[in-house]
Protein backbone atom coordinates (compact mmCIF):
# COMPACT_ATOMS: atom_id res chain seq x y z
CA MET A 1 178.04 -38.76 -14.39
CA PHE A 2 177.73 -35.47 -12.51
CA LEU A 3 178.66 -33.19 -15.48
CA PRO A 4 176.21 -34.64 -17.96
CA ALA A 5 173.22 -34.57 -15.13
CA LEU A 6 174.12 -31.07 -14.49
CA GLU A 7 174.36 -30.24 -18.40
CA ALA A 8 170.89 -32.04 -18.60
CA ARG A 9 169.38 -29.43 -16.12
CA ALA A 10 170.95 -26.44 -17.85
CA HIS A 11 169.81 -27.63 -21.26
CA ALA A 12 166.24 -28.19 -19.40
CA VAL A 13 165.99 -24.65 -17.80
CA LEU A 14 166.84 -23.25 -21.28
CA GLY A 15 164.01 -25.28 -23.10
CA ASP A 16 166.01 -27.71 -24.89
CA GLY A 17 164.26 -31.02 -24.37
CA SER A 18 166.33 -32.89 -26.82
CA GLU A 19 170.00 -31.76 -25.50
CA SER A 20 168.68 -32.58 -22.11
CA GLN A 21 167.25 -35.91 -22.91
CA THR A 22 170.81 -36.63 -24.83
CA ALA A 23 172.61 -35.58 -21.61
CA ILE A 24 170.32 -37.55 -19.49
CA GLN A 25 171.34 -40.58 -21.70
CA ARG A 26 174.96 -39.77 -21.52
CA ALA A 27 174.55 -39.95 -17.47
CA LYS A 28 173.17 -43.40 -17.53
CA ASP A 29 175.73 -44.64 -20.30
CA ALA A 30 178.49 -43.34 -17.96
CA ARG A 31 176.88 -45.31 -15.04
CA ASP A 32 176.22 -48.46 -16.91
CA ALA A 33 180.28 -48.27 -18.14
CA THR A 34 181.60 -47.48 -14.47
CA ILE A 35 183.51 -50.27 -12.81
CA PRO A 36 183.32 -49.57 -8.91
CA ASP A 37 186.26 -49.81 -6.89
CA GLU A 38 187.68 -49.20 -3.57
CA LEU A 39 187.79 -45.33 -3.80
CA ASP A 40 183.99 -45.25 -4.50
CA GLU A 41 183.52 -46.10 -0.78
CA LEU A 42 185.06 -42.63 0.17
CA GLY A 43 181.89 -40.93 -1.09
CA GLY A 44 181.41 -37.20 -1.27
CA LEU A 45 179.61 -34.93 -3.65
CA LEU A 46 180.44 -36.63 -7.01
CA THR A 47 179.36 -39.70 -5.64
CA PHE A 48 176.52 -40.68 -7.85
CA ALA A 49 174.40 -43.57 -6.69
CA ARG A 50 171.53 -44.72 -8.64
CA PRO A 51 168.91 -42.41 -6.73
CA ARG A 52 171.16 -39.37 -7.21
CA GLN A 53 171.17 -40.01 -11.11
CA LEU A 54 167.61 -40.85 -11.11
CA TYR A 55 166.77 -37.28 -9.06
CA TYR A 56 168.84 -35.34 -11.71
CA ALA A 57 166.87 -37.11 -14.47
CA ALA A 58 163.76 -35.86 -13.12
CA ASP A 59 165.01 -32.45 -12.00
CA ALA A 60 165.86 -31.64 -15.56
CA THR A 61 162.77 -33.15 -16.88
CA ILE A 62 160.46 -31.00 -14.65
CA TRP A 63 161.55 -27.99 -16.42
CA LEU A 64 160.36 -29.07 -19.90
CA PRO A 65 156.84 -27.78 -20.59
CA GLY A 66 154.34 -30.65 -21.56
CA GLU A 67 156.67 -33.31 -19.73
CA GLU A 68 154.65 -33.55 -16.43
CA GLU A 69 153.50 -37.23 -17.04
CA ARG A 70 157.29 -38.24 -17.67
CA ALA A 71 158.96 -35.99 -14.84
CA GLU A 72 156.13 -37.43 -12.57
CA ARG A 73 157.24 -41.15 -13.38
CA GLU A 74 160.89 -40.09 -13.09
CA ALA A 75 160.69 -38.08 -9.75
CA ALA A 76 158.42 -41.19 -8.39
CA GLU A 77 160.99 -43.59 -9.39
CA ALA A 78 164.02 -41.32 -7.58
CA VAL A 79 161.70 -41.11 -4.37
CA ASP A 80 161.33 -44.85 -4.58
CA ALA A 81 165.11 -45.34 -4.93
CA TYR A 82 165.87 -43.20 -2.08
CA GLU A 83 163.31 -44.76 0.36
CA HIS A 84 164.94 -48.38 -0.35
CA ALA A 85 168.58 -47.18 -0.92
CA GLU A 86 171.24 -48.10 1.77
CA GLU A 87 172.42 -45.47 4.12
CA ALA A 88 175.24 -44.66 1.78
CA GLU A 89 173.47 -43.97 -0.93
CA ARG A 90 171.22 -41.72 0.73
CA SER A 91 170.85 -38.08 0.72
CA PHE A 92 168.39 -36.27 2.44
CA THR A 93 168.50 -33.06 0.42
CA ASP A 94 168.20 -34.91 -2.92
CA GLU A 95 165.62 -36.98 -1.55
CA ALA A 96 163.51 -33.86 -0.86
CA GLY A 97 164.41 -32.28 -4.04
CA SER A 98 162.94 -35.70 -5.65
CA ARG A 99 159.65 -35.04 -3.66
CA ALA A 100 159.68 -31.39 -4.92
CA ASP A 101 160.17 -32.45 -8.14
CA LEU A 102 157.30 -34.74 -7.83
CA ALA A 103 154.99 -32.75 -6.37
CA LEU A 104 155.73 -29.87 -9.42
CA ALA A 105 154.70 -32.75 -11.69
CA ARG A 106 151.57 -33.73 -9.91
CA ALA A 107 150.70 -29.99 -9.53
CA GLY A 108 151.27 -29.54 -13.29
CA ARG A 109 149.02 -32.53 -13.74
CA GLY A 110 146.38 -31.46 -11.83
CA ASN A 111 146.62 -33.65 -9.11
CA LEU A 112 146.77 -31.23 -6.11
CA ASP A 113 146.45 -34.32 -3.32
CA GLY A 114 149.10 -35.99 -4.90
CA ALA A 115 151.20 -33.07 -4.86
CA ARG A 116 150.57 -32.05 -1.35
CA ALA A 117 151.37 -35.89 -0.43
CA ALA A 118 154.65 -35.74 -2.26
CA LEU A 119 155.81 -32.70 -0.43
CA ARG A 120 154.51 -33.69 2.92
CA PRO A 121 157.76 -35.30 4.10
CA VAL A 122 159.84 -32.36 3.06
CA LEU A 123 157.71 -30.07 5.04
CA ASP A 124 157.75 -32.23 8.10
CA LEU A 125 161.72 -31.66 8.03
CA PRO A 126 162.69 -29.83 11.24
CA PRO A 127 164.20 -26.47 10.77
CA ALA A 128 167.88 -27.77 11.50
CA GLN A 129 167.62 -30.09 8.42
CA ARG A 130 166.04 -27.67 5.94
CA THR A 131 168.46 -26.31 3.51
CA PRO A 132 168.42 -23.13 1.07
CA SER A 133 167.88 -25.56 -1.93
CA MET A 134 164.70 -27.35 -0.12
CA THR A 135 163.31 -23.58 0.26
CA VAL A 136 163.75 -22.77 -3.46
CA ASN A 137 162.13 -26.15 -4.54
CA ALA A 138 159.31 -25.42 -1.90
CA LEU A 139 158.75 -22.16 -3.34
CA ARG A 140 158.43 -23.65 -6.83
CA VAL A 141 155.67 -25.72 -5.94
CA HIS A 142 154.13 -22.67 -3.91
CA ALA A 143 154.23 -20.84 -7.41
CA ALA A 144 152.73 -23.89 -9.22
CA LEU A 145 149.78 -23.78 -6.98
CA ARG A 146 148.93 -20.29 -8.20
CA ASP A 147 147.83 -22.01 -11.43
CA PRO A 148 144.45 -20.88 -12.70
CA ARG A 149 142.63 -24.34 -11.85
CA TYR A 150 143.88 -24.03 -8.22
CA HIS A 151 142.26 -20.34 -7.73
CA GLY A 152 139.85 -20.64 -4.75
CA SER A 153 140.90 -23.92 -3.64
CA PRO A 154 141.32 -24.24 0.42
CA ALA A 155 143.50 -26.94 -0.21
CA ALA A 156 145.83 -25.13 -2.32
CA ARG A 157 146.03 -22.17 -0.27
CA GLU A 158 146.43 -24.24 2.69
CA ALA A 159 149.47 -25.95 0.83
CA GLN A 160 150.72 -22.69 0.12
CA GLU A 161 150.66 -21.57 3.73
CA GLU A 162 152.73 -24.56 4.93
CA ILE A 163 155.18 -23.83 2.32
CA GLU A 164 155.49 -20.16 3.64
CA VAL A 165 155.85 -21.54 7.09
CA PHE A 166 158.38 -23.82 6.08
CA CYS A 167 160.51 -21.52 4.21
CA GLN A 168 160.41 -19.25 7.42
CA ALA A 169 162.03 -21.64 9.16
CA THR A 170 164.73 -22.81 7.08
CA ALA A 171 168.30 -23.44 8.81
CA ALA A 172 170.64 -20.89 8.54
CA LEU A 173 174.32 -21.90 7.00
CA PRO A 174 177.47 -21.41 9.03
CA ARG A 175 179.55 -18.66 8.39
């Protein structure tokens, strides 16, 4: 499931929506064909619970121009899945990524209030929980708020300022 999910992101970043969706479908098919066993209880990076699969699908779709509506649905589904997941299926970094994707989709659809609401739980994380990937995702939202429709918007400027403060206080990785 992990490799086709990464492949979907790569195709999306390259602008190949068809191949991206094909890879997302392969990841779904792999999940459907998987029979869990005792080794799955070990967890780890390659553990691919349903919330993570939904996040990766949304994260691929958000890169595709014109797919903001679908990306918003997928990201909202991923956020909901993380909010209702058992502890073993949770990942605060992937949940933050899902929220950033949701904010990006909403910003792309002109819903500034919705974008801010989606990103709020991420911006409220304490500095010790902020990772470089969260900073990258927050900066993508920051860039989306430079869209001409948001020029002169005090709410967009406030959101950008909050993102800048968030990014300044990101946890350093151990050496």
